Amino acid sequence: SIGALSSQKTAPAGNTLGMLGVAGGLAGTICSVHVPQATLVQMLATMALGGGLGVGIARRAEVTDLPQLVAAFHSLVGVAAAATAIASALSAHGSGLLYSISTYLAASIGALTVTGSLLAFAKLQGLMSGKSLSFPGQRPLLALLVLSLVGGMWRYIGTSAINVLYFGTAVSAVLGWIVAGQVGGADMPVVITLLNSASGWALTAEGFVLSNTLLTVVGALIGSSGAILSAMMCTAMNRTLLDVLGIMRKPAGAFSCTIDGECKVTEPDTVSMLLQQAKKVVIVPGYGIAVSKGQYVLAEIIEELTKQGTDVRVAIHPVAGRMPGQLNVLLAEAGIPYDKVFEMDELNEPGDWKDVDVALVVGANDTVNSLAEDDPASPIAGMPVIRVWKAKKCIVMKRSMGVGYAALENPVFYNDNTDMLLGDAKVRLEDLRDRLR
């Protein structure tokens, strides 16, 4: 299934194999358990309800909704882990030190995943402000919650009292809400990967509770991969995880930069002529293309340029979009071939840009900001960025001259070799496509 996803031609088959695998697992579980008929009917009804909801959500959700959809689904994993742990404790399913620790961790991590995921969903869906949550006494409260959580585990190990388990679950729920809340909207991609990791560790603990080795292994795989991805995301932003979570923020010193040069605004006719004359073009998409839903038009432009013999490549920054891989999925859905899409590290050495005639930036800002390399005092200093300014000509498509999430001016926009094509990304891409044909 995973191997088939490596190609657009075989991806549908990969999805089908994945669904068959899940269906086989559910069927095997139903056949292996020996429960009363009434319980079996309840199980089947619940599965049908969940499957129906899943189909309905999948049909309505668009690719641009994937970040909040993933966040919402993570909350369901948390609910399952916490509910299973509490149910196991109520039924006295097991005993011993390992069982008590696993039960407490499954309930706690599950509850944290639920509230954190729901808050992330609310921010990404625009149901609440994307600003960081802040209130007096916030850090002391966080410290108190962590200490209470640890103390609750110690108490539960000694007594196995269900009220202590309830207490730990409630504390974790509050902790998850506050920690996710104090992360700004721009850092939500890292929160999503962390919640993915948390859901995996909740499954691992649940596997110990149920004495299910497969569940433990799968949970550990999800948890570790999510943790590694979170670390990679933080590295890509030149931030620490504690800084992203607002636990230990970098001191925000005053920063100002003097930009030399003049911003030059161009028109679609000029840009289309440059693209037609170019032998090599590198396109750098950002979240702006997802908002405007311009990926399909971009695919047509790439197809048209390729027919003309132009070497077209797409470079994607690790933190572009609102969740890891969002732009990859966006471009794949539009039919842009996998072999034309490159990660930043694959196409960002100085030598890679020597023969690039045109760098076309579509809806990106901070991920192509040269301040990261040129000004050590900049808040984004050291953050890896895509070096579009090293191309012979750089065209930046943006809705306006406004700043990005980092709230910093971008010197690239004022370079001699840069022209700005302002307006809605989809509309401007359509203008270019019509002129290229």
Foldseek 3Di string as FASTA:
>chain_A
DVVLCVFLVSNVVVVVVVVVVVVVVVVVVLVPDDDDPVVSVVVVVVVVVVVVVVVVCVVPDDLLLVLLVLLQVLLVLLVVLLVLLLVCLVVCVDDDQLLLLLSLLLLLLSLLSNLLSVLLSCCSVVVDPQAADDDPPLLVLLVVLVVLLVVLSVVCSVPVDSVSSVVNNVSSNVNSNNLSRRAGQLLLQLSSLQSQLSSLVSQLSSCSNVVNPVSNVRSNVRNVVSVVLSCVVCLLQVHDPCCRSVNDHDDDDDDDDDFDFDFAADALVVVLVLLLPAQEEEEEEAQLCVVLVQLLLVQLVVVLSVVSNHHYAYEYEQSGRRHGCSVVVSNVVSPRTPVRYDYQVVQADLVSQQRHAEYEYFADAPQQACCLDPPCPDPRPSNHHRPRLSHQAYEYEEQDLAHDPSRDHGSSSRDPRYHYHHRRRNVSSVSSSVSSD
